Protein backbone atom coordinates (compact mmCIF):
# COMPACT_ATOMS: atom_id res chain seq x y z
CA MET A 1 -1.27 -18.18 -17.36
CA PRO A 2 -3.63 -15.58 -15.90
CA LEU A 3 -7.13 -16.73 -15.69
CA THR A 4 -9.36 -15.23 -18.59
CA VAL A 5 -13.02 -13.66 -18.09
CA SER A 6 -14.74 -17.16 -19.26
CA GLU A 7 -12.48 -18.82 -17.03
CA THR A 8 -12.92 -16.56 -14.11
CA ARG A 9 -16.71 -16.49 -14.57
CA ASP A 10 -16.90 -20.50 -14.93
CA ILE A 11 -14.97 -21.04 -11.61
CA LEU A 12 -17.01 -18.42 -9.69
CA ALA A 13 -20.17 -20.17 -10.63
CA LYS A 14 -18.64 -23.75 -9.95
CA LEU A 15 -17.77 -22.49 -6.54
CA GLY A 16 -21.24 -20.67 -5.92
CA VAL A 17 -19.17 -17.24 -5.21
CA HIS A 18 -20.76 -14.09 -6.08
CA PRO A 19 -18.06 -11.14 -5.76
CA LYS A 20 -18.58 -9.24 -2.67
CA HIS A 21 -18.44 -5.65 -2.80
CA GLY A 22 -17.47 -5.05 0.79
CA LEU A 23 -14.57 -7.20 0.34
CA GLY A 24 -13.32 -5.40 -2.77
CA GLN A 25 -13.79 -8.52 -4.70
CA ASN A 26 -13.17 -7.09 -8.46
CA PHE A 27 -11.16 -9.88 -10.03
CA LEU A 28 -8.38 -9.13 -12.48
CA ILE A 29 -9.00 -10.54 -16.05
CA ASP A 30 -6.51 -8.84 -18.21
CA GLY A 31 -3.31 -11.02 -18.56
CA ASN A 32 -1.30 -7.94 -20.08
CA ILE A 33 -2.04 -5.97 -16.61
CA VAL A 34 -0.89 -9.07 -14.79
CA ARG A 35 2.26 -9.41 -16.53
CA LYS A 36 2.93 -5.83 -16.18
CA SER A 37 2.55 -6.02 -12.31
CA LEU A 38 5.37 -8.19 -12.31
CA GLU A 39 7.33 -6.25 -14.92
CA LEU A 40 7.16 -3.39 -12.51
CA ALA A 41 7.93 -5.10 -9.45
CA ARG A 42 10.85 -6.81 -11.16
CA VAL A 43 9.72 -10.18 -9.96
CA ALA A 44 12.65 -12.82 -10.55
CA PRO A 45 13.11 -16.55 -9.76
CA GLY A 46 13.83 -16.82 -5.92
CA ASP A 47 12.13 -13.46 -4.87
CA ARG A 48 9.53 -13.71 -2.09
CA VAL A 49 6.60 -11.98 -2.81
CA VAL A 50 3.67 -11.06 -0.58
CA GLU A 51 0.04 -10.93 -2.14
CA VAL A 52 -3.14 -9.45 -0.48
CA GLY A 53 -6.52 -10.87 -1.21
CA PRO A 54 -5.39 -13.33 -4.08
CA GLY A 55 -8.79 -14.30 -4.97
CA LEU A 56 -8.70 -16.95 -7.73
CA GLY A 57 -5.37 -16.84 -8.14
CA THR A 58 -4.63 -15.03 -11.23
CA LEU A 59 -1.85 -12.77 -9.93
CA THR A 60 -0.61 -15.72 -7.69
CA ARG A 61 -0.17 -18.17 -10.56
CA THR A 62 1.86 -15.80 -12.81
CA LEU A 63 4.02 -15.16 -9.73
CA LEU A 64 4.66 -18.91 -8.81
CA GLU A 65 5.10 -19.63 -12.91
CA ALA A 66 7.76 -16.74 -12.56
CA GLY A 67 9.67 -18.55 -9.70
CA ALA A 68 8.64 -16.44 -6.91
CA GLU A 69 7.66 -17.85 -3.43
CA VAL A 70 4.27 -16.42 -2.58
CA TRP A 71 2.92 -15.63 0.84
CA ALA A 72 -0.95 -14.66 0.53
CA VAL A 73 -3.54 -13.37 2.82
CA GLU A 74 -7.44 -14.22 1.84
CA ARG A 75 -10.23 -13.26 3.90
CA ASP A 76 -12.86 -15.38 1.99
CA ALA A 77 -12.66 -18.86 3.26
CA MET A 78 -14.14 -20.40 0.15
CA LEU A 79 -11.43 -18.85 -2.12
CA ALA A 80 -8.87 -19.57 0.52
CA ARG A 81 -10.18 -23.34 0.28
CA TYR A 82 -9.92 -23.00 -3.72
CA LEU A 83 -6.31 -21.75 -3.82
CA LEU A 84 -5.22 -24.71 -1.45
CA GLU A 85 -6.93 -27.23 -3.45
CA GLU A 86 -6.09 -26.17 -6.99
CA VAL A 87 -2.88 -23.68 -7.07
CA ALA A 88 -0.88 -24.85 -4.06
CA PRO A 89 -0.46 -28.35 -5.20
CA LEU A 90 1.09 -27.12 -8.50
CA HIS A 91 3.79 -25.35 -7.01
CA PRO A 92 4.62 -27.50 -3.76
CA GLY A 93 6.32 -25.31 -0.74
CA ARG A 94 5.89 -22.37 -2.71
CA LEU A 95 2.51 -21.05 -1.84
CA HIS A 96 2.25 -20.06 1.86
CA LEU A 97 -1.70 -19.25 2.38
CA LEU A 98 -3.12 -17.69 5.27
CA GLU A 99 -6.99 -17.67 5.66
CA ALA A 100 -7.49 -14.20 7.49
CA ASP A 101 -8.18 -10.50 7.31
CA ALA A 102 -5.08 -8.35 5.91
CA MET A 103 -5.71 -5.68 8.25
CA ASP A 104 -4.43 -7.92 11.14
CA HIS A 105 -1.90 -9.38 8.85
CA PRO A 106 -0.62 -6.75 6.49
CA VAL A 107 2.54 -9.02 5.08
CA ALA A 108 0.78 -12.24 5.40
CA ASP A 109 2.85 -13.13 8.35
CA ILE A 110 6.29 -13.56 6.21
CA PRO A 111 9.09 -14.16 8.61
CA ALA A 112 10.43 -10.75 9.45
CA ASP A 113 14.14 -11.59 8.60
CA LEU A 114 13.12 -12.47 4.96
CA PRO A 115 13.65 -9.87 2.25
CA PHE A 116 10.48 -9.43 0.13
CA LYS A 117 8.29 -7.55 -2.26
CA VAL A 118 4.41 -7.00 -2.61
CA VAL A 119 2.56 -7.30 -5.69
CA ALA A 120 -1.22 -7.17 -4.92
CA ASN A 121 -4.69 -6.27 -6.63
CA LEU A 122 -5.39 -4.51 -3.21
CA PRO A 123 -9.12 -4.14 -1.97
CA TYR A 124 -9.90 -0.47 -2.43
CA ALA A 125 -11.64 0.00 0.75
CA ILE A 126 -8.52 -0.93 2.87
CA SER A 127 -5.93 0.71 0.97
CA THR A 128 -4.88 3.43 3.14
CA PRO A 129 -4.88 1.78 6.49
CA TRP A 130 -3.55 -1.29 5.17
CA MET A 131 -0.69 0.89 3.83
CA ASP A 132 -0.22 2.53 7.06
CA ALA A 133 0.17 -0.63 8.76
CA VAL A 134 2.76 -1.89 6.23
CA LEU A 135 4.55 1.39 7.03
CA GLU A 136 5.16 -0.04 10.50
CA GLY A 137 7.73 -2.36 9.08
CA PRO A 138 9.80 -4.09 8.28
CA LEU A 139 9.55 -2.50 5.00
CA PRO A 140 9.51 -4.31 1.49
CA GLU A 141 12.03 -3.84 -1.14
CA ARG A 142 9.32 -2.86 -3.55
CA LEU A 143 5.52 -2.58 -3.74
CA VAL A 144 3.42 -2.83 -6.87
CA LEU A 145 -0.46 -2.28 -6.05
CA MET A 146 -3.38 -2.13 -7.87
CA LEU A 147 -5.40 0.91 -6.34
CA GLN A 148 -8.19 3.02 -7.32
CA TYR A 149 -6.71 6.09 -9.19
CA GLU A 150 -7.82 8.68 -6.79
CA ALA A 151 -6.14 6.79 -4.11
CA ALA A 152 -2.86 6.69 -5.97
CA GLN A 153 -2.91 10.49 -6.79
CA ARG A 154 -3.36 11.22 -2.93
CA TYR A 155 -0.15 8.93 -2.18
CA MET A 156 1.59 10.77 -4.97
CA ALA A 157 0.64 14.11 -4.32
CA LYS A 158 3.00 16.95 -3.68
CA PRO A 159 2.85 19.80 -1.24
CA GLY A 160 0.82 22.61 -2.75
CA SER A 161 -2.04 20.06 -3.90
CA LYS A 162 -5.25 19.71 -2.35
CA LEU A 163 -4.56 15.91 -2.31
CA PHE A 164 -1.30 16.12 -0.13
CA GLY A 165 -1.88 14.73 3.32
CA SER A 166 -0.66 12.69 5.97
CA ILE A 167 -0.34 9.55 4.32
CA SER A 168 1.79 11.18 1.16
CA ILE A 169 4.29 12.22 3.79
CA PHE A 170 4.52 8.96 5.57
CA LEU A 171 4.49 7.11 2.38
CA GLN A 172 6.98 9.21 0.27
CA SER A 173 9.33 9.39 3.41
CA ALA A 174 9.84 5.71 3.09
CA PHE A 175 9.53 4.81 -0.62
CA ASP A 176 10.44 6.71 -4.02
CA ILE A 177 7.58 6.58 -6.26
CA ALA A 178 8.60 4.72 -9.66
CA PRO A 179 6.68 5.09 -12.78
CA GLY A 180 3.31 3.16 -12.59
CA HIS A 181 0.56 2.28 -15.14
CA LYS A 182 -3.07 3.31 -15.51
CA VAL A 183 -5.57 0.65 -15.49
CA SER A 184 -9.15 0.55 -17.41
CA GLY A 185 -12.06 -0.83 -15.43
CA HIS A 186 -12.68 -3.26 -18.17
CA CYS A 187 -9.56 -5.37 -17.00
CA PHE A 188 -11.79 -6.57 -14.04
CA HIS A 189 -14.70 -8.77 -13.44
CA PRO A 190 -17.30 -7.31 -12.29
CA ARG A 191 -16.01 -3.99 -13.64
CA PRO A 192 -15.65 -1.61 -11.02
CA ASP A 193 -17.00 2.06 -11.48
CA VAL A 194 -13.39 3.77 -11.30
CA ASP A 195 -10.32 3.47 -12.86
CA SER A 196 -7.38 1.87 -11.18
CA TYR A 197 -3.69 2.35 -11.21
CA LEU A 198 -0.54 0.24 -10.62
CA PHE A 199 1.29 2.15 -8.29
CA ASN A 200 4.95 1.35 -8.10
CA LEU A 201 6.98 2.06 -4.92
CA VAL A 202 10.75 1.53 -4.52
CA ARG A 203 11.94 1.38 -0.73
CA LYS A 204 14.78 4.21 -0.04
CA PRO A 205 17.91 3.57 0.96
CA GLN A 206 17.22 5.09 4.37
CA PRO A 207 13.87 5.24 4.67
CA LEU A 208 12.33 7.72 7.11
CA PHE A 209 10.20 6.36 10.13
CA PHE A 210 7.66 8.47 12.28
CA PRO A 211 6.77 7.24 15.85
CA ARG A 212 3.03 6.73 16.25
CA ARG A 213 2.50 9.83 18.27
CA SER A 214 4.31 12.03 15.48
CA LYS A 215 1.98 10.19 13.03
CA LEU A 216 -1.36 10.92 15.07
CA ALA A 217 -0.09 14.59 15.34
CA ILE A 218 0.55 15.12 11.75
CA ARG A 219 -3.04 13.41 10.83
CA ALA A 220 -4.69 15.90 13.40
CA CYS A 221 -3.03 18.73 11.34
CA PHE A 222 -4.68 17.75 8.19
CA GLN A 223 -8.21 17.34 9.58
CA GLN A 224 -8.37 21.10 9.77
CA ARG A 225 -6.28 21.68 6.58
CA ARG A 226 -7.26 25.35 5.97
CA LYS A 227 -6.23 26.22 9.37
CA GLN A 228 -2.50 27.99 9.63
CA ILE A 229 0.03 25.44 11.14
CA GLY A 230 0.73 27.55 14.32
CA SER A 231 -3.18 27.37 15.34
CA LEU A 232 -2.87 23.85 14.52
CA LEU A 233 -0.29 22.86 16.80
CA ARG A 234 -1.85 24.49 19.97
CA GLY A 235 -2.53 21.52 22.26
CA ILE A 236 -0.92 19.16 19.92
CA LEU A 237 2.80 19.81 20.44
CA PRO A 238 3.89 20.13 24.18
CA ASP A 239 5.16 23.90 23.27
CA GLY A 240 2.46 24.64 20.58
CA GLY A 241 4.83 23.49 17.98
CA ARG A 242 6.70 26.95 18.69
CA ALA A 243 10.35 25.53 17.96
CA TRP A 244 9.13 23.60 14.85
CA ILE A 245 7.60 26.51 13.47
CA ASP A 246 10.49 28.85 13.85
CA SER A 247 12.32 26.17 11.89
CA LEU A 248 10.08 26.57 9.10
CA VAL A 249 10.32 30.10 9.33
CA ALA A 250 13.95 29.76 9.06
CA ALA A 251 13.88 27.69 5.97
CA GLY A 252 11.70 30.35 4.35
CA GLN A 253 8.24 29.41 5.24
CA PRO A 254 5.90 32.10 6.40
CA ALA A 255 4.46 31.75 9.89
CA THR A 256 1.01 31.76 8.55
CA VAL A 257 1.57 28.60 6.23
CA ARG A 258 -1.01 26.07 6.07
CA PRO A 259 -0.25 21.99 6.42
CA GLU A 260 -0.74 21.37 2.67
CA ASP A 261 1.92 23.78 1.48
CA ILE A 262 4.62 22.41 3.81
CA PRO A 263 7.43 21.02 1.87
CA LEU A 264 7.97 17.11 2.53
CA ALA A 265 11.54 17.85 3.59
CA LEU A 266 10.30 20.11 6.50
CA TRP A 267 7.73 17.60 7.48
CA GLN A 268 10.36 15.00 8.05
CA THR A 269 11.67 17.52 10.70
CA PHE A 270 8.64 16.97 12.61
CA PRO A 271 9.34 16.31 16.35
CA ARG A 272 9.63 12.73 17.26
CA LEU A 273 6.83 12.26 20.11
CA GLY A 274 6.87 9.60 22.42
CA GLU A 275 9.60 6.82 23.14
CA PRO A 276 12.74 7.43 21.46
CA ALA A 277 12.74 6.11 17.92
CA PRO A 278 15.36 5.76 15.17
CA GLU A 279 15.44 8.38 12.31
CA THR A 280 15.38 5.51 9.88
CA HIS A 281 13.50 2.51 10.02
CA PRO A 282 15.48 -0.81 9.59
CA ALA A 283 15.13 -2.29 6.06
């Protein structure tokens, strides 16, 4: 069963742990939201699930009780020791815990040949760089992530929106966005100053992969998003982007179009820079 708020406070006090704002330690205390996370991810017995920042194991316990095998990465040494001593023995061989930084081990070193899902209460400070690291692959079948609501809005943003940016392009080219769930701050201890959102992603049948140099070029376009795409690409692409801009115009876009107004399907035709790369990422 998920930990209650009183159980969470008691365990933290016993361990002498004070939630660290810098690590995004807001502990989930609402059992309904824990269960909703598993429901959205369609967790079933035998699933392999990656969890980032398990903390006291509220979500971890529920995943294990549902029959999943869990790979988790926890940066806080005290919390990692607690999980190994109090949670792992209850589910022998099914909790693989890595004491490390999730930015160095974004999917907890799960073997690359295993299909997996991600269900995590993600530390808000690392959400975008962590997501970018995950997009390097191998890609999970599904992700259900507790995110700051504003971050989820950026990830879901459509062309024409002020929130649409490079991470929207990369993520939506690899995953379909399924219905999620808004989460109030009172579901956490300590309560954050912002609302959260259970962000629900399903891997596309043929996820699209962007080489790193192409990703850097696309990011550069959104750093001065009010400029026209033609002026932005000078010095970024070998031909100043002329060939790609011509393809945009042929598709009905004005030559003066700005990055945020270019449709996703056209961003997906952006030149592949650097070493040859496959059009689709291996699942």
